[in-house]
Amino acid sequence: MGEQAVTGSGDAPASEGTPAAGASDAAPAAGSPPVGPATAGMTADGAPAGEVEVPGAGMTADAGGATGPQSRTTDIVPGPGGVMTDEVGVVTGELTLRTEFADGQVTLRVQYKDADEWYAVTGGTAPLDDAAGLDAVHSIAVGLLNRPEG
């Protein structure tokens, strides 16, 4: 695009070397690298500024397998009807709810608090495209199943 004149408060073009509104004419501190123009990733003519490589930026693969199997657990007390499971039917009392994510699927499991065996919650399996949704699914499951007041 060509050069454009920067105007001050009036209609006269700003003189060369005069900072534009909001610019600072303070010199960098001694020993500091020179301060370049703030481009916010763009130059004045609309061409993108030079690319900057940031290893792992936005990539979950670099975050130690964040897309692999994951789970969340919370102690709950279900309401009077308990929680229906595939293996043993209804379980009641103090339970631990575990929401698991693996292979694009979320599964709810419960166990009697501090027991060893886990039971699949009946109807508690659904597809989940992204592990980022695990916390939301777990929060909803806790909200639905935890009824300590009955």
N, C-alpha and C. Protein backbone atom coordinates (compact mmCIF):
# COMPACT_ATOMS: atom_id res chain seq x y z
N MET A 1 0.83 -1.17 0.00
CA MET A 1 0.00 0.00 0.00
C MET A 1 0.86 1.21 0.00
N GLY A 2 1.52 1.82 0.19
CA GLY A 2 2.31 3.02 0.22
C GLY A 2 2.31 3.62 1.61
N GLU A 3 3.06 4.70 1.72
CA GLU A 3 3.17 5.37 3.00
C GLU A 3 1.98 6.28 3.22
N GLN A 4 1.60 6.45 4.46
CA GLN A 4 0.51 7.34 4.82
C GLN A 4 1.02 8.30 5.86
N ALA A 5 0.56 9.54 5.79
CA ALA A 5 0.97 10.53 6.77
C ALA A 5 0.19 10.33 8.06
N VAL A 6 0.87 10.51 9.18
CA VAL A 6 0.23 10.45 10.49
C VAL A 6 -0.09 11.87 10.89
N THR A 7 -1.32 12.11 11.27
CA THR A 7 -1.68 13.47 11.65
C THR A 7 -1.80 13.58 13.15
N GLY A 8 -1.49 14.75 13.66
CA GLY A 8 -1.62 15.02 15.09
C GLY A 8 -3.03 15.47 15.39
N SER A 9 -3.19 16.39 16.34
CA SER A 9 -4.52 16.83 16.73
C SER A 9 -5.16 17.71 15.67
N GLY A 10 -4.36 18.37 14.81
CA GLY A 10 -4.91 19.19 13.73
C GLY A 10 -4.89 18.41 12.44
N ASP A 11 -5.00 19.12 11.32
CA ASP A 11 -5.00 18.45 10.04
C ASP A 11 -3.62 18.40 9.40
N ALA A 12 -2.62 19.00 10.03
CA ALA A 12 -1.28 19.03 9.45
C ALA A 12 -0.60 17.71 9.69
N PRO A 13 0.17 17.19 8.71
CA PRO A 13 0.89 15.93 8.91
C PRO A 13 1.91 16.07 10.02
N ALA A 14 2.09 14.99 10.78
CA ALA A 14 3.09 14.99 11.85
C ALA A 14 4.46 15.01 11.22
N SER A 15 5.37 15.70 11.85
CA SER A 15 6.71 15.78 11.30
C SER A 15 7.45 14.48 11.57
N GLU A 16 8.44 14.21 10.73
CA GLU A 16 9.22 13.00 10.88
C GLU A 16 9.94 13.05 12.22
N GLY A 17 9.92 11.94 12.95
CA GLY A 17 10.57 11.89 14.25
C GLY A 17 9.63 12.27 15.38
N THR A 18 8.43 12.74 15.08
CA THR A 18 7.47 13.06 16.12
C THR A 18 6.65 11.81 16.40
N PRO A 19 6.59 11.40 17.67
CA PRO A 19 5.85 10.17 17.95
C PRO A 19 4.36 10.37 17.71
N ALA A 20 3.70 9.32 17.25
CA ALA A 20 2.25 9.34 17.04
C ALA A 20 1.57 9.27 18.40
N ALA A 21 0.27 9.52 18.42
CA ALA A 21 -0.49 9.49 19.67
C ALA A 21 -0.29 8.16 20.36
N GLY A 22 -0.02 8.17 21.65
CA GLY A 22 0.15 6.96 22.44
C GLY A 22 1.55 6.38 22.37
N ALA A 23 2.41 6.87 21.48
CA ALA A 23 3.77 6.35 21.37
C ALA A 23 4.64 7.00 22.44
N SER A 24 5.66 6.30 22.82
CA SER A 24 6.57 6.82 23.84
C SER A 24 7.88 7.19 23.19
N ASP A 25 8.43 8.34 23.59
CA ASP A 25 9.72 8.70 23.05
C ASP A 25 10.82 8.43 24.07
N ALA A 26 10.52 7.61 25.09
CA ALA A 26 11.53 7.27 26.08
C ALA A 26 12.48 6.23 25.47
N ALA A 27 13.77 6.39 25.73
CA ALA A 27 14.77 5.44 25.23
C ALA A 27 14.73 4.19 26.09
N PRO A 28 15.11 3.04 25.53
CA PRO A 28 15.16 1.82 26.34
C PRO A 28 16.19 1.97 27.45
N ALA A 29 15.98 1.27 28.54
CA ALA A 29 16.89 1.30 29.67
C ALA A 29 18.25 0.78 29.23
N ALA A 30 19.31 1.25 29.91
CA ALA A 30 20.66 0.81 29.58
C ALA A 30 20.75 -0.70 29.68
N GLY A 31 21.33 -1.31 28.68
CA GLY A 31 21.50 -2.76 28.68
C GLY A 31 20.30 -3.51 28.12
N SER A 32 19.17 -2.81 27.87
CA SER A 32 17.99 -3.46 27.31
C SER A 32 18.10 -3.51 25.80
N PRO A 33 17.49 -4.53 25.18
CA PRO A 33 17.51 -4.57 23.72
C PRO A 33 16.67 -3.43 23.18
N PRO A 34 16.94 -2.98 21.98
CA PRO A 34 16.16 -1.88 21.41
C PRO A 34 14.70 -2.28 21.27
N VAL A 35 13.83 -1.32 21.48
CA VAL A 35 12.40 -1.56 21.40
C VAL A 35 11.96 -1.32 19.97
N GLY A 36 11.30 -2.32 19.37
CA GLY A 36 10.81 -2.18 18.00
C GLY A 36 9.35 -1.77 18.04
N PRO A 37 8.77 -1.55 16.90
CA PRO A 37 7.37 -1.15 16.85
C PRO A 37 6.46 -2.29 17.30
N ALA A 38 5.39 -1.93 18.00
CA ALA A 38 4.40 -2.93 18.41
C ALA A 38 3.52 -3.23 17.21
N THR A 39 3.54 -4.47 16.72
CA THR A 39 2.79 -4.80 15.51
C THR A 39 1.58 -5.66 15.78
N ALA A 40 1.45 -6.26 16.95
CA ALA A 40 0.36 -7.18 17.26
C ALA A 40 0.23 -8.23 16.17
N GLY A 41 1.34 -8.63 15.59
CA GLY A 41 1.33 -9.68 14.59
C GLY A 41 1.03 -9.21 13.18
N MET A 42 0.83 -7.94 12.97
CA MET A 42 0.51 -7.42 11.64
C MET A 42 1.38 -6.20 11.36
N THR A 43 1.69 -5.98 10.12
CA THR A 43 2.39 -4.77 9.73
C THR A 43 1.37 -3.78 9.20
N ALA A 44 1.80 -2.55 8.99
CA ALA A 44 0.89 -1.49 8.56
C ALA A 44 0.25 -1.77 7.22
N ASP A 45 0.93 -2.53 6.36
CA ASP A 45 0.33 -2.79 5.05
C ASP A 45 -0.52 -4.05 5.02
N GLY A 46 -0.76 -4.66 6.17
CA GLY A 46 -1.64 -5.82 6.26
C GLY A 46 -0.94 -7.15 6.05
N ALA A 47 0.35 -7.13 5.71
CA ALA A 47 1.08 -8.39 5.56
C ALA A 47 1.41 -8.94 6.94
N PRO A 48 1.31 -10.23 7.12
CA PRO A 48 1.62 -10.78 8.44
C PRO A 48 3.08 -10.57 8.82
N ALA A 49 3.30 -10.37 10.09
CA ALA A 49 4.67 -10.24 10.59
C ALA A 49 5.34 -11.60 10.49
N GLY A 50 6.63 -11.67 10.70
CA GLY A 50 7.35 -12.93 10.63
C GLY A 50 6.79 -13.95 11.61
N GLU A 51 6.83 -15.22 11.23
CA GLU A 51 6.28 -16.27 12.07
C GLU A 51 7.19 -16.53 13.25
N VAL A 52 6.60 -16.89 14.37
CA VAL A 52 7.33 -17.23 15.58
C VAL A 52 6.93 -18.64 15.94
N GLU A 53 7.90 -19.51 16.10
CA GLU A 53 7.61 -20.89 16.45
C GLU A 53 7.53 -21.03 17.95
N VAL A 54 6.42 -21.59 18.43
CA VAL A 54 6.23 -21.83 19.85
C VAL A 54 5.96 -23.32 20.01
N PRO A 55 6.96 -24.10 20.42
CA PRO A 55 6.79 -25.54 20.51
C PRO A 55 5.63 -25.91 21.44
N GLY A 56 4.74 -26.75 20.94
CA GLY A 56 3.66 -27.27 21.76
C GLY A 56 2.50 -26.33 21.98
N ALA A 57 2.52 -25.13 21.43
CA ALA A 57 1.45 -24.18 21.67
C ALA A 57 0.14 -24.73 21.16
N GLY A 58 -0.81 -24.92 22.06
CA GLY A 58 -2.13 -25.38 21.67
C GLY A 58 -2.20 -26.86 21.33
N MET A 59 -1.15 -27.60 21.53
CA MET A 59 -1.15 -29.01 21.17
C MET A 59 -1.24 -29.87 22.42
N THR A 60 -2.28 -30.67 22.54
CA THR A 60 -2.41 -31.53 23.70
C THR A 60 -1.47 -32.72 23.64
N ALA A 61 -0.99 -33.07 22.44
CA ALA A 61 -0.08 -34.20 22.31
C ALA A 61 1.22 -33.96 23.06
N ASP A 62 1.60 -32.69 23.22
CA ASP A 62 2.82 -32.36 23.94
C ASP A 62 2.59 -32.25 25.44
N ALA A 63 1.36 -32.44 25.88
CA ALA A 63 1.04 -32.26 27.29
C ALA A 63 1.02 -33.58 28.04
N GLY A 64 1.85 -34.52 27.65
CA GLY A 64 1.96 -35.77 28.37
C GLY A 64 0.77 -36.69 28.16
N GLY A 65 0.22 -36.74 26.96
CA GLY A 65 -0.87 -37.67 26.68
C GLY A 65 -2.20 -37.22 27.21
N ALA A 66 -2.49 -35.94 27.17
CA ALA A 66 -3.74 -35.42 27.72
C ALA A 66 -4.98 -35.98 27.02
N THR A 67 -4.80 -36.60 25.86
CA THR A 67 -5.95 -37.18 25.17
C THR A 67 -6.10 -38.66 25.48
N GLY A 68 -5.21 -39.24 26.25
CA GLY A 68 -5.30 -40.65 26.62
C GLY A 68 -6.34 -40.85 27.71
N PRO A 69 -6.41 -42.06 28.27
CA PRO A 69 -7.39 -42.35 29.32
C PRO A 69 -7.23 -41.39 30.50
N GLN A 70 -8.36 -40.88 30.96
CA GLN A 70 -8.40 -39.96 32.10
C GLN A 70 -9.62 -40.29 32.95
N SER A 71 -9.63 -39.85 34.20
CA SER A 71 -10.81 -40.05 35.03
C SER A 71 -10.91 -38.97 36.10
N ARG A 72 -12.11 -38.80 36.63
CA ARG A 72 -12.39 -37.89 37.74
C ARG A 72 -13.19 -38.68 38.76
N THR A 73 -12.96 -38.45 40.04
CA THR A 73 -13.71 -39.16 41.09
C THR A 73 -14.24 -38.18 42.13
N THR A 74 -15.41 -38.51 42.66
CA THR A 74 -16.04 -37.71 43.71
C THR A 74 -16.87 -38.65 44.59
N ASP A 75 -16.80 -38.44 45.89
CA ASP A 75 -17.66 -39.19 46.80
C ASP A 75 -19.07 -38.62 46.74
N ILE A 76 -20.07 -39.50 46.68
CA ILE A 76 -21.47 -39.07 46.59
C ILE A 76 -22.33 -39.90 47.53
N VAL A 77 -23.52 -39.39 47.81
CA VAL A 77 -24.56 -40.14 48.51
C VAL A 77 -25.81 -40.00 47.65
N PRO A 78 -26.22 -41.09 46.97
CA PRO A 78 -27.38 -40.99 46.09
C PRO A 78 -28.68 -40.88 46.88
N GLY A 79 -29.73 -40.51 46.17
CA GLY A 79 -31.05 -40.41 46.79
C GLY A 79 -31.59 -41.78 47.17
N PRO A 80 -32.85 -41.82 47.62
CA PRO A 80 -33.46 -43.06 48.12
C PRO A 80 -33.45 -44.22 47.13
N GLY A 81 -33.46 -43.95 45.83
CA GLY A 81 -33.47 -45.04 44.85
C GLY A 81 -32.10 -45.61 44.55
N GLY A 82 -31.03 -44.99 45.07
CA GLY A 82 -29.68 -45.47 44.82
C GLY A 82 -29.25 -45.24 43.38
N VAL A 83 -28.26 -45.99 42.95
CA VAL A 83 -27.73 -45.92 41.60
C VAL A 83 -27.81 -47.32 41.00
N MET A 84 -28.44 -47.44 39.83
CA MET A 84 -28.55 -48.74 39.15
C MET A 84 -27.25 -49.04 38.42
N THR A 85 -26.74 -50.25 38.62
CA THR A 85 -25.52 -50.68 37.95
C THR A 85 -25.79 -51.92 37.10
N ASP A 86 -24.94 -52.14 36.11
CA ASP A 86 -25.09 -53.29 35.22
C ASP A 86 -24.78 -54.60 35.94
N GLU A 87 -23.82 -54.59 36.84
CA GLU A 87 -23.32 -55.84 37.43
C GLU A 87 -24.13 -56.33 38.63
N VAL A 88 -24.53 -55.43 39.52
CA VAL A 88 -25.15 -55.87 40.78
C VAL A 88 -26.50 -55.22 41.06
N GLY A 89 -27.03 -54.48 40.12
CA GLY A 89 -28.31 -53.80 40.36
C GLY A 89 -28.11 -52.51 41.12
N VAL A 90 -29.02 -52.22 42.03
CA VAL A 90 -29.00 -50.95 42.77
C VAL A 90 -27.95 -50.97 43.88
N VAL A 91 -27.17 -49.88 43.96
CA VAL A 91 -26.26 -49.69 45.08
C VAL A 91 -26.66 -48.41 45.80
N THR A 92 -26.59 -48.42 47.11
CA THR A 92 -27.01 -47.28 47.92
C THR A 92 -25.93 -46.96 48.95
N GLY A 93 -26.14 -45.89 49.68
CA GLY A 93 -25.21 -45.51 50.74
C GLY A 93 -24.10 -44.62 50.21
N GLU A 94 -23.01 -44.55 50.96
CA GLU A 94 -21.88 -43.73 50.57
C GLU A 94 -21.13 -44.41 49.43
N LEU A 95 -21.04 -43.70 48.30
CA LEU A 95 -20.40 -44.25 47.10
C LEU A 95 -19.32 -43.31 46.60
N THR A 96 -18.48 -43.83 45.73
CA THR A 96 -17.53 -43.00 44.98
C THR A 96 -17.92 -43.12 43.52
N LEU A 97 -18.08 -41.98 42.87
CA LEU A 97 -18.40 -41.92 41.44
C LEU A 97 -17.13 -41.63 40.67
N ARG A 98 -16.87 -42.43 39.64
CA ARG A 98 -15.72 -42.19 38.78
C ARG A 98 -16.23 -42.01 37.35
N THR A 99 -15.82 -40.92 36.72
CA THR A 99 -16.14 -40.66 35.32
C THR A 99 -14.87 -40.88 34.53
N GLU A 100 -14.90 -41.85 33.61
CA GLU A 100 -13.71 -42.23 32.85
C GLU A 100 -13.85 -41.80 31.40
N PHE A 101 -12.74 -41.35 30.81
CA PHE A 101 -12.70 -41.04 29.38
C PHE A 101 -11.61 -41.88 28.76
N ALA A 102 -11.97 -42.63 27.70
CA ALA A 102 -11.00 -43.42 26.94
C ALA A 102 -11.58 -43.72 25.57
N ASP A 103 -10.75 -43.65 24.57
CA ASP A 103 -11.14 -44.02 23.20
C ASP A 103 -12.41 -43.32 22.72
N GLY A 104 -12.54 -42.03 23.02
CA GLY A 104 -13.68 -41.26 22.53
C GLY A 104 -14.99 -41.59 23.22
N GLN A 105 -14.91 -42.16 24.40
CA GLN A 105 -16.12 -42.56 25.13
C GLN A 105 -15.99 -42.23 26.61
N VAL A 106 -17.09 -41.80 27.21
CA VAL A 106 -17.11 -41.53 28.64
C VAL A 106 -17.97 -42.60 29.32
N THR A 107 -17.51 -43.09 30.48
CA THR A 107 -18.21 -44.14 31.21
C THR A 107 -18.28 -43.75 32.68
N LEU A 108 -19.46 -43.90 33.27
CA LEU A 108 -19.66 -43.65 34.70
C LEU A 108 -19.58 -44.98 35.45
N ARG A 109 -18.85 -44.97 36.55
CA ARG A 109 -18.74 -46.15 37.41
C ARG A 109 -18.90 -45.71 38.86
N VAL A 110 -19.42 -46.62 39.68
CA VAL A 110 -19.52 -46.34 41.12
C VAL A 110 -18.93 -47.52 41.89
N GLN A 111 -18.55 -47.22 43.10
CA GLN A 111 -18.10 -48.25 44.03
C GLN A 111 -18.57 -47.83 45.42
N TYR A 112 -18.75 -48.83 46.30
CA TYR A 112 -18.99 -48.48 47.69
C TYR A 112 -17.74 -47.77 48.16
N LYS A 113 -17.90 -46.70 48.92
CA LYS A 113 -16.77 -45.88 49.34
C LYS A 113 -15.68 -46.77 49.96
N ASP A 114 -14.47 -46.59 49.45
CA ASP A 114 -13.26 -47.29 49.90
C ASP A 114 -13.25 -48.79 49.58
N ALA A 115 -14.17 -49.27 48.73
CA ALA A 115 -14.15 -50.67 48.30
C ALA A 115 -13.20 -50.82 47.11
N ASP A 116 -13.00 -52.05 46.68
CA ASP A 116 -12.11 -52.32 45.56
C ASP A 116 -12.84 -52.44 44.22
N GLU A 117 -14.07 -52.95 44.23
CA GLU A 117 -14.78 -53.24 42.99
C GLU A 117 -15.56 -52.03 42.48
N TRP A 118 -15.48 -51.81 41.16
CA TRP A 118 -16.21 -50.75 40.49
C TRP A 118 -17.33 -51.36 39.66
N TYR A 119 -18.48 -50.67 39.61
CA TYR A 119 -19.63 -51.14 38.84
C TYR A 119 -20.03 -50.07 37.82
N ALA A 120 -20.34 -50.51 36.59
CA ALA A 120 -20.76 -49.58 35.54
C ALA A 120 -22.18 -49.10 35.82
N VAL A 121 -22.37 -47.78 35.79
CA VAL A 121 -23.70 -47.21 35.98
C VAL A 121 -24.54 -47.54 34.73
N THR A 122 -25.72 -48.10 34.94
CA THR A 122 -26.59 -48.45 33.83
C THR A 122 -26.93 -47.19 33.02
N GLY A 123 -26.70 -47.25 31.72
CA GLY A 123 -26.95 -46.10 30.85
C GLY A 123 -25.90 -45.02 30.99
N GLY A 124 -24.79 -45.30 31.66
CA GLY A 124 -23.78 -44.29 31.94
C GLY A 124 -22.61 -44.31 30.97
N THR A 125 -22.86 -44.65 29.71
CA THR A 125 -21.81 -44.63 28.69
C THR A 125 -22.29 -43.79 27.51
N ALA A 126 -21.42 -42.91 27.02
CA ALA A 126 -21.79 -42.05 25.90
C ALA A 126 -20.53 -41.65 25.14
N PRO A 127 -20.67 -41.33 23.85
CA PRO A 127 -19.51 -40.84 23.10
C PRO A 127 -19.10 -39.45 23.59
N LEU A 128 -17.81 -39.18 23.58
CA LEU A 128 -17.28 -37.86 23.94
C LEU A 128 -16.07 -37.62 23.05
N ASP A 129 -16.19 -36.65 22.15
CA ASP A 129 -15.15 -36.41 21.15
C ASP A 129 -13.85 -35.89 21.74
N ASP A 130 -13.93 -35.13 22.82
CA ASP A 130 -12.75 -34.44 23.32
C ASP A 130 -12.66 -34.60 24.84
N ALA A 131 -11.49 -34.97 25.32
CA ALA A 131 -11.29 -35.12 26.76
C ALA A 131 -11.52 -33.83 27.52
N ALA A 132 -11.49 -32.69 26.83
CA ALA A 132 -11.73 -31.41 27.49
C ALA A 132 -13.13 -31.35 28.10
N GLY A 133 -14.05 -32.17 27.62
CA GLY A 133 -15.41 -32.20 28.16
C GLY A 133 -15.57 -33.08 29.37
N LEU A 134 -14.52 -33.77 29.79
CA LEU A 134 -14.63 -34.71 30.92
C LEU A 134 -15.07 -34.02 32.21
N ASP A 135 -14.51 -32.88 32.52
CA ASP A 135 -14.89 -32.18 33.76
C ASP A 135 -16.37 -31.80 33.75
N ALA A 136 -16.86 -31.35 32.62
CA ALA A 136 -18.28 -30.97 32.52
C ALA A 136 -19.18 -32.19 32.70
N VAL A 137 -18.84 -33.29 32.04
CA VAL A 137 -19.65 -34.51 32.17
C VAL A 137 -19.64 -34.99 33.61
N HIS A 138 -18.47 -34.97 34.24
CA HIS A 138 -18.37 -35.42 35.63
C HIS A 138 -19.21 -34.52 36.56
N SER A 139 -19.13 -33.23 36.35
CA SER A 139 -19.92 -32.29 37.18
C SER A 139 -21.42 -32.55 37.04
N ILE A 140 -21.87 -32.80 35.82
CA ILE A 140 -23.29 -33.08 35.59
C ILE A 140 -23.69 -34.38 36.27
N ALA A 141 -22.84 -35.42 36.15
CA ALA A 141 -23.14 -36.70 36.78
C ALA A 141 -23.23 -36.57 38.29
N VAL A 142 -22.29 -35.84 38.88
CA VAL A 142 -22.33 -35.61 40.32
C VAL A 142 -23.62 -34.87 40.70
N GLY A 143 -23.97 -33.85 39.93
CA GLY A 143 -25.17 -33.09 40.20
C GLY A 143 -26.43 -33.92 40.13
N LEU A 144 -26.46 -34.89 39.22
CA LEU A 144 -27.64 -35.75 39.09
C LEU A 144 -27.69 -36.85 40.13
N LEU A 145 -26.56 -37.42 40.47
CA LEU A 145 -26.55 -38.60 41.35
C LEU A 145 -26.35 -38.28 42.84
N ASN A 146 -25.71 -37.20 43.16
CA ASN A 146 -25.44 -36.87 44.57
C ASN A 146 -26.65 -36.20 45.18
N ARG A 147 -27.34 -36.90 46.06
CA ARG A 147 -28.55 -36.40 46.73
C ARG A 147 -28.50 -36.71 48.22
N PRO A 148 -27.52 -36.12 48.94
CA PRO A 148 -27.36 -36.46 50.35
C PRO A 148 -28.57 -36.09 51.23
N GLU A 149 -29.40 -35.17 50.76
CA GLU A 149 -30.59 -34.79 51.52
C GLU A 149 -31.79 -35.68 51.20
N GLY A 150 -31.60 -36.61 50.27
CA GLY A 150 -32.68 -37.54 49.92
C GLY A 150 -33.44 -37.20 48.70
